[in-house]
Amino acid sequence: MMRALPPTSFRLLLASTLALALAYGQGAVAAPVIFSAPGANAAAIQPTVDAFRSTLGTLNPNVAGSFGSGRREINWDGVPDNFAAPNNLPADFFNVNSPRGAVFNTPGTGFQVSANAINPTSTPVEFGNINPNYPTIFAPFSAQRLFTPLGSNITDVNFFVPGTTTPALVSAFGAVFSHVDPASVTSIEYFNPSNVSLGSFLVPTIAGNETFSFLGVSFTQGPVVSRVRITTGNQALASTAPLTGATVMDDFIYAEPTAVPEPRSLVMGATALAIGLLITRLGHRRSPA
């Protein structure tokens, strides 16, 4: 015969179960570890980038499926010419063509990867096709290509189990930026599966052209990030836009995307457990001694 829980124990169990439901429904707080560095050249930020990589673990191959641990990276340099400037990059290139579990979105008109020095259309490097002055202020961290949204300074990165349409979470994400000058407001914001912000973090600034900045954030609770929003500079790249406050991206480094249960099902399960415990407790209270 099942024994009823003592009133105090029951209240504690019910409270903890309801707290679990609320945590998944509203976004549990995840403790961030921040890796941040500006530098006049690539070598100046390399130790911080390497420390972030080391925290995430082994670099996994660009194949479909999740390895469950380790990291993925995007450095843009393997993008073929037909998907680089002056052409646009498909938003799902790094989940379909080269499976790494990242799909991009922007309120702008698309995305572009800069041209290599030698390309079939003689397109200028470092987004010189958009503004002839950009090659004087931008530089690649890993040669030669850079990355930018078009028609906006907002890039959303959504995570999936690589090569699939299964939503995934990561425990960390970081990026290298070029030309985050003191007038630039550049940031990365992290979101959980319920679209609740886990925090917005400013990318460090540095004066001068062809400079670099790195920002990476790792969450100690494990995979909790379903999307990141990157704000690059103060405006979209354009032929008439001021050079001050213009920022582009290079390497993306993030933890291996892993599938998790839908947050809604977790809330429903935890809530159902709490209700079941309440019914059981009431039933015992009504039972004859």
Protein backbone atom coordinates (compact mmCIF):
# COMPACT_ATOMS: atom_id res chain seq x y z
CA MET A 1 0.00 0.00 0.00
CA MET A 2 1.38 3.42 -1.02
CA ARG A 3 2.17 5.69 1.90
CA ALA A 4 1.25 9.34 1.66
CA LEU A 5 4.13 11.79 1.73
CA PRO A 6 4.43 13.87 4.91
CA PRO A 7 2.88 17.31 4.33
CA THR A 8 6.22 19.12 4.41
CA SER A 9 7.90 16.70 1.97
CA PHE A 10 4.92 16.87 -0.35
CA ARG A 11 4.95 20.66 -0.44
CA LEU A 12 8.66 20.71 -1.22
CA LEU A 13 8.27 18.15 -4.03
CA LEU A 14 5.31 19.98 -5.53
CA ALA A 15 7.09 23.34 -5.36
CA SER A 16 10.25 21.98 -7.02
CA THR A 17 8.22 20.32 -9.78
CA LEU A 18 6.29 23.49 -10.53
CA ALA A 19 9.55 25.44 -10.50
CA LEU A 20 10.92 23.04 -13.12
CA ALA A 21 7.89 23.67 -15.32
CA LEU A 22 8.27 27.44 -14.97
CA ALA A 23 12.00 27.26 -15.69
CA TYR A 24 11.45 25.50 -19.00
CA GLY A 25 8.47 27.65 -19.91
CA GLN A 26 10.02 31.01 -19.15
CA GLY A 27 13.72 30.37 -19.64
CA ALA A 28 16.01 29.09 -16.91
CA VAL A 29 18.96 31.34 -16.14
CA ALA A 30 22.16 30.00 -17.67
CA ALA A 31 25.47 31.17 -16.27
CA PRO A 32 27.67 32.63 -19.04
CA VAL A 33 31.45 32.48 -19.34
CA ILE A 34 32.65 35.31 -21.58
CA PHE A 35 35.67 35.25 -23.89
CA SER A 36 36.41 38.73 -25.26
CA ALA A 37 39.36 40.44 -26.92
CA PRO A 38 40.12 43.29 -29.36
CA GLY A 39 43.37 43.43 -31.32
CA ALA A 40 45.28 45.45 -33.89
CA ASN A 41 45.97 42.25 -35.81
CA ALA A 42 44.88 38.62 -35.94
CA ALA A 43 47.69 37.48 -33.65
CA ALA A 44 46.45 39.76 -30.87
CA ILE A 45 43.11 37.95 -30.50
CA GLN A 46 44.38 34.45 -31.38
CA PRO A 47 44.99 33.34 -27.74
CA THR A 48 41.40 34.20 -26.77
CA VAL A 49 39.99 32.48 -29.85
CA ASP A 50 42.07 29.37 -29.09
CA ALA A 51 40.96 29.38 -25.43
CA PHE A 52 37.32 29.43 -26.56
CA ARG A 53 37.97 26.58 -28.99
CA SER A 54 39.65 24.56 -26.25
CA THR A 55 36.63 25.02 -23.98
CA LEU A 56 34.33 23.61 -26.68
CA GLY A 57 36.50 20.63 -27.57
CA THR A 58 37.39 18.75 -30.75
CA LEU A 59 36.59 20.25 -34.17
CA ASN A 60 34.08 17.92 -35.82
CA PRO A 61 33.96 17.18 -39.57
CA ASN A 62 31.40 18.90 -41.79
CA VAL A 63 28.99 15.97 -42.06
CA ALA A 64 25.32 15.41 -41.23
CA GLY A 65 24.24 14.30 -37.76
CA SER A 66 25.28 15.36 -34.29
CA PHE A 67 28.45 14.15 -32.57
CA GLY A 68 26.99 15.14 -29.20
CA SER A 69 30.10 17.06 -28.15
CA GLY A 70 32.95 19.08 -29.59
CA ARG A 71 32.53 22.07 -31.88
CA ARG A 72 31.77 23.27 -35.40
CA GLU A 73 33.32 26.21 -37.22
CA ILE A 74 32.56 28.35 -40.26
CA ASN A 75 35.40 30.35 -41.80
CA TRP A 76 33.72 31.07 -45.18
CA ASP A 77 36.87 30.24 -47.14
CA GLY A 78 35.50 27.03 -48.65
CA VAL A 79 32.47 28.78 -50.16
CA PRO A 80 32.63 28.37 -53.96
CA ASP A 81 32.82 31.43 -56.22
CA ASN A 82 29.25 30.97 -57.47
CA PHE A 83 27.99 31.56 -53.89
CA ALA A 84 30.37 34.46 -53.13
CA ALA A 85 30.39 38.12 -54.19
CA PRO A 86 28.89 39.41 -56.36
CA ASN A 87 26.48 36.49 -55.77
CA ASN A 88 24.54 35.85 -52.57
CA LEU A 89 25.12 32.99 -50.15
CA PRO A 90 22.10 30.70 -49.61
CA ALA A 91 20.90 31.07 -46.03
CA ASP A 92 21.00 27.30 -45.47
CA PHE A 93 24.35 26.66 -47.16
CA PHE A 94 25.93 25.56 -43.87
CA ASN A 95 23.20 23.07 -43.15
CA VAL A 96 22.58 21.68 -46.65
CA ASN A 97 25.66 22.12 -48.86
CA SER A 98 28.17 21.89 -46.01
CA PRO A 99 26.33 20.44 -43.00
CA ARG A 100 27.26 22.35 -39.84
CA GLY A 101 23.81 22.93 -38.34
CA ALA A 102 23.60 26.71 -38.93
CA VAL A 103 20.84 28.47 -40.89
CA PHE A 104 20.84 32.25 -41.26
CA ASN A 105 18.05 34.80 -41.32
CA THR A 106 17.95 38.59 -41.64
CA PRO A 107 15.36 41.35 -41.97
CA GLY A 108 17.50 42.53 -44.89
CA THR A 109 17.78 41.14 -48.41
CA GLY A 110 20.20 38.26 -47.94
CA PHE A 111 23.82 37.41 -47.20
CA GLN A 112 27.12 37.74 -48.98
CA VAL A 113 30.57 36.22 -48.62
CA SER A 114 33.39 38.40 -49.98
CA ALA A 115 35.32 37.45 -53.09
CA ASN A 116 38.74 35.83 -53.22
CA ALA A 117 41.62 37.76 -54.76
CA ILE A 118 41.39 35.56 -57.85
CA ASN A 119 37.82 34.97 -58.99
CA PRO A 120 36.06 34.51 -62.36
CA THR A 121 34.20 37.84 -62.22
CA SER A 122 37.15 40.00 -61.08
CA THR A 123 35.06 41.12 -58.10
CA PRO A 124 36.96 43.27 -55.57
CA VAL A 125 37.89 41.63 -52.26
CA GLU A 126 36.57 42.51 -48.79
CA PHE A 127 33.26 43.86 -50.11
CA GLY A 128 34.89 46.38 -52.42
CA ASN A 129 32.05 45.47 -54.78
CA ILE A 130 29.66 47.22 -52.34
CA ASN A 131 31.89 50.16 -51.45
CA PRO A 132 35.38 50.70 -52.93
CA ASN A 133 36.62 51.95 -49.54
CA TYR A 134 35.71 48.80 -47.58
CA PRO A 135 38.97 46.94 -48.40
CA THR A 136 40.84 49.74 -46.59
CA ILE A 137 38.98 49.17 -43.29
CA PHE A 138 38.18 45.43 -43.28
CA ALA A 139 40.59 42.49 -43.12
CA PRO A 140 40.09 38.71 -42.88
CA PHE A 141 41.06 36.85 -39.71
CA SER A 142 41.36 33.62 -41.69
CA ALA A 143 42.11 34.43 -45.32
CA GLN A 144 40.44 35.32 -47.51
CA ARG A 145 36.68 35.60 -47.22
CA LEU A 146 34.46 37.69 -44.91
CA PHE A 147 30.70 37.57 -44.25
CA THR A 148 27.89 40.14 -43.99
CA PRO A 149 24.12 40.48 -44.17
CA LEU A 150 22.78 42.68 -46.96
CA GLY A 151 20.25 45.46 -46.49
CA SER A 152 20.51 45.12 -42.70
CA ASN A 153 23.06 44.87 -39.90
CA ILE A 154 21.19 41.97 -38.26
CA THR A 155 22.05 38.28 -38.65
CA ASP A 156 20.12 35.53 -36.86
CA VAL A 157 21.81 32.14 -36.60
CA ASN A 158 19.37 29.28 -35.95
CA PHE A 159 20.74 25.88 -34.96
CA PHE A 160 19.73 22.46 -36.28
CA VAL A 161 21.10 18.95 -36.07
CA PRO A 162 23.54 19.26 -39.00
CA GLY A 163 22.03 18.25 -42.32
CA THR A 164 18.47 17.98 -40.93
CA THR A 165 15.46 20.14 -40.12
CA THR A 166 15.52 19.03 -36.45
CA PRO A 167 15.92 22.07 -34.16
CA ALA A 168 19.01 21.92 -31.98
CA LEU A 169 20.69 23.70 -29.11
CA VAL A 170 24.29 24.71 -28.52
CA SER A 171 26.09 25.53 -25.29
CA ALA A 172 28.36 28.21 -26.77
CA PHE A 173 28.78 30.54 -29.73
CA GLY A 174 31.48 33.02 -30.70
CA ALA A 175 32.49 35.10 -33.70
CA VAL A 176 35.39 37.14 -35.04
CA PHE A 177 34.64 40.67 -36.28
CA SER A 178 36.60 43.13 -38.39
CA HIS A 179 36.55 46.89 -37.76
CA VAL A 180 34.56 47.23 -34.54
CA ASP A 181 35.61 50.83 -34.05
CA PRO A 182 34.67 52.87 -30.93
CA ALA A 183 31.65 54.28 -32.78
CA SER A 184 30.33 50.81 -33.54
CA VAL A 185 27.66 49.12 -31.43
CA THR A 186 28.22 45.43 -32.21
CA SER A 187 26.73 42.66 -30.10
CA ILE A 188 25.62 39.03 -29.86
CA GLU A 189 22.35 38.12 -28.13
CA TYR A 190 21.56 34.54 -27.12
CA PHE A 191 18.06 33.00 -27.00
CA ASN A 192 16.63 29.80 -25.55
CA PRO A 193 14.01 27.58 -27.30
CA SER A 194 11.19 29.69 -25.79
CA ASN A 195 12.73 32.77 -27.49
CA VAL A 196 13.69 34.20 -24.10
CA SER A 197 16.93 36.18 -24.12
CA LEU A 198 19.79 34.65 -22.14
CA GLY A 199 21.73 37.91 -22.42
CA SER A 200 23.11 40.41 -24.91
CA PHE A 201 26.88 40.94 -24.91
CA LEU A 202 28.82 43.80 -26.49
CA VAL A 203 31.73 43.02 -28.79
CA PRO A 204 34.87 44.91 -27.70
CA THR A 205 35.85 47.92 -29.78
CA ILE A 206 39.25 49.05 -31.01
CA ALA A 207 40.35 52.12 -32.92
CA GLY A 208 41.92 51.81 -36.34
CA ASN A 209 41.31 50.08 -39.66
CA GLU A 210 41.78 46.38 -40.43
CA THR A 211 41.47 45.54 -36.73
CA PHE A 212 39.81 42.54 -35.08
CA SER A 213 37.52 41.75 -32.18
CA PHE A 214 36.36 38.43 -30.76
CA LEU A 215 33.40 37.62 -28.55
CA GLY A 216 32.41 34.13 -27.43
CA VAL A 217 29.99 33.11 -24.69
CA SER A 218 29.76 29.63 -23.18
CA PHE A 219 26.85 28.61 -20.94
CA THR A 220 27.82 26.32 -18.08
CA GLN A 221 24.40 24.64 -17.94
CA GLY A 222 25.06 22.94 -21.27
CA PRO A 223 23.06 23.29 -24.51
CA VAL A 224 20.53 26.08 -23.90
CA VAL A 225 20.92 28.31 -26.98
CA SER A 226 18.62 27.80 -29.97
CA ARG A 227 19.40 31.07 -31.76
CA VAL A 228 21.82 33.98 -31.66
CA ARG A 229 21.26 37.46 -33.03
CA ILE A 230 24.34 39.30 -34.24
CA THR A 231 24.22 43.07 -34.69
CA THR A 232 27.15 44.23 -36.81
CA GLY A 233 27.91 47.92 -36.50
CA ASN A 234 25.46 50.76 -36.84
CA GLN A 235 24.18 50.23 -40.37
CA ALA A 236 24.03 47.88 -43.32
CA LEU A 237 26.92 47.93 -45.76
CA ALA A 238 26.20 50.29 -48.66
CA SER A 239 27.98 52.40 -51.23
CA THR A 240 26.81 55.59 -49.50
CA ALA A 241 27.09 54.44 -45.88
CA PRO A 242 29.73 56.04 -43.64
CA LEU A 243 32.83 53.96 -42.95
CA THR A 244 32.60 54.77 -39.24
CA GLY A 245 30.55 52.10 -37.50
CA ALA A 246 30.76 49.61 -40.39
CA THR A 247 31.54 46.06 -39.22
CA VAL A 248 31.74 42.61 -40.87
CA MET A 249 32.29 39.07 -39.62
CA ASP A 250 34.77 36.27 -40.07
CA ASP A 251 35.00 32.94 -38.21
CA PHE A 252 31.97 31.50 -36.40
CA ILE A 253 32.85 29.01 -33.65
CA TYR A 254 30.13 27.15 -31.75
CA ALA A 255 29.45 24.03 -29.72
CA GLU A 256 28.13 20.94 -31.48
CA PRO A 257 24.36 21.33 -32.11
CA THR A 258 22.35 18.68 -30.25
CA ALA A 259 18.64 17.91 -30.44
CA VAL A 260 16.53 18.31 -27.30
CA PRO A 261 12.86 17.73 -26.40
CA GLU A 262 10.52 20.53 -27.33
CA PRO A 263 10.22 23.01 -24.43
CA ARG A 264 6.42 22.75 -24.57
CA SER A 265 6.53 19.00 -23.93
CA LEU A 266 8.87 19.53 -21.00
CA VAL A 267 6.52 22.07 -19.46
CA MET A 268 3.50 19.82 -20.02
CA GLY A 269 5.32 16.83 -18.53
CA ALA A 270 6.46 18.70 -15.45
CA THR A 271 3.04 20.29 -14.98
CA ALA A 272 1.30 16.93 -15.38
CA LEU A 273 3.61 15.44 -12.76
CA ALA A 274 2.79 18.26 -10.35
CA ILE A 275 -0.96 17.82 -10.93
CA GLY A 276 -0.66 14.04 -10.50
CA LEU A 277 1.13 14.48 -7.19
CA LEU A 278 -1.55 16.90 -6.04
CA ILE A 279 -4.36 14.47 -6.95
CA THR A 280 -2.55 11.60 -5.21
CA ARG A 281 -2.05 13.69 -2.10
CA LEU A 282 -5.70 14.74 -2.00
CA GLY A 283 -6.78 11.12 -2.49
CA HIS A 284 -4.73 10.02 0.49
CA ARG A 285 -6.12 12.80 2.62
CA ARG A 286 -9.69 11.62 1.87
CA SER A 287 -8.96 7.94 2.49
CA PRO A 288 -10.18 6.47 5.82
CA ALA A 289 -7.51 5.84 8.44
